[in-house]
Amino acid sequence: MFTPDHIVHCFIGNLAKRPRTFMLLGLFYPRRGAVEHYQEELFSL
């Protein structure tokens, strides 16, 4: 799943009662060739 030839996307969400708390709802990890635009790093320096 976490391999160099795949890009991992996380689906997150929150509840109306707790708008500042997020939870992971799912993962989507297509091959790099299937995605046109992607972000290499979460935080770039």
C-alpha atoms as a PDB file:
ATOM      1  CA  MET A   1       0.000   0.000   0.000  1.00  0.00           C
ATOM      2  CA  PHE A   2       2.699   2.531   0.942  1.00  0.00           C
ATOM      3  CA  THR A   3       5.003   1.955  -1.996  1.00  0.00           C
ATOM      4  CA  PRO A   4       6.860   4.385  -4.279  1.00  0.00           C
ATOM      5  CA  ASP A   5       4.562   3.559  -7.209  1.00  0.00           C
ATOM      6  CA  HIS A   6       1.369   4.552  -5.331  1.00  0.00           C
ATOM      7  CA  ILE A   7       0.054   7.876  -4.015  1.00  0.00           C
ATOM      8  CA  VAL A   8      -1.868   7.747  -0.731  1.00  0.00           C
ATOM      9  CA  HIS A   9      -4.866  10.039  -0.176  1.00  0.00           C
ATOM     10  CA  CYS A  10      -6.658  10.209   3.193  1.00  0.00           C
ATOM     11  CA  PHE A  11     -10.354  10.952   3.576  1.00  0.00           C
ATOM     12  CA  ILE A  12     -10.995  12.734   6.866  1.00  0.00           C
ATOM     13  CA  GLY A  13     -14.141  14.068   8.447  1.00  0.00           C
ATOM     14  CA  ASN A  14     -15.568  15.506  11.612  1.00  0.00           C
ATOM     15  CA  LEU A  15     -18.798  15.402  13.590  1.00  0.00           C
ATOM     16  CA  ALA A  16     -21.175  18.299  14.088  1.00  0.00           C
ATOM     17  CA  LYS A  17     -20.838  17.943  17.880  1.00  0.00           C
ATOM     18  CA  ARG A  18     -17.035  18.127  17.704  1.00  0.00           C
ATOM     19  CA  PRO A  19     -16.082  20.377  14.768  1.00  0.00           C
ATOM     20  CA  ARG A  20     -12.404  20.639  15.783  1.00  0.00           C
ATOM     21  CA  THR A  21     -11.855  16.861  16.045  1.00  0.00           C
ATOM     22  CA  PHE A  22     -11.132  14.920  12.857  1.00  0.00           C
ATOM     23  CA  MET A  23     -11.073  11.193  12.170  1.00  0.00           C
ATOM     24  CA  LEU A  24      -9.681   9.135   9.337  1.00  0.00           C
ATOM     25  CA  LEU A  25     -12.565   7.789   7.252  1.00  0.00           C
ATOM     26  CA  GLY A  26     -10.682   5.997   4.520  1.00  0.00           C
ATOM     27  CA  LEU A  27      -7.658   5.659   2.270  1.00  0.00           C
ATOM     28  CA  PHE A  28      -7.352   5.783  -1.500  1.00  0.00           C
ATOM     29  CA  TYR A  29      -4.055   4.758  -3.081  1.00  0.00           C
ATOM     30  CA  PRO A  30      -4.004   4.818  -6.899  1.00  0.00           C
ATOM     31  CA  ARG A  31      -0.897   4.244  -8.984  1.00  0.00           C
ATOM     32  CA  ARG A  32       1.159   7.358  -9.762  1.00  0.00           C
ATOM     33  CA  GLY A  33       0.385   7.131 -13.480  1.00  0.00           C
ATOM     34  CA  ALA A  34      -3.382   7.278 -12.831  1.00  0.00           C
ATOM     35  CA  VAL A  35      -3.223  10.650 -11.040  1.00  0.00           C
ATOM     36  CA  GLU A  36      -2.470  13.821 -13.006  1.00  0.00           C
ATOM     37  CA  HIS A  37      -1.552  16.162 -10.112  1.00  0.00           C
ATOM     38  CA  TYR A  38      -0.192  15.095  -6.750  1.00  0.00           C
ATOM     39  CA  GLN A  39       1.738  16.587  -3.852  1.00  0.00           C
ATOM     40  CA  GLU A  40       5.110  14.937  -3.176  1.00  0.00           C
ATOM     41  CA  GLU A  41       5.423  16.061   0.458  1.00  0.00           C
ATOM     42  CA  LEU A  42       3.000  17.222   3.105  1.00  0.00           C
ATOM     43  CA  PHE A  43       5.306  20.012   4.264  1.00  0.00           C
ATOM     44  CA  SER A  44       7.954  21.339   1.906  1.00  0.00           C
ATOM     45  CA  LEU A  45      10.797  23.485   3.218  1.00  0.00           C
END
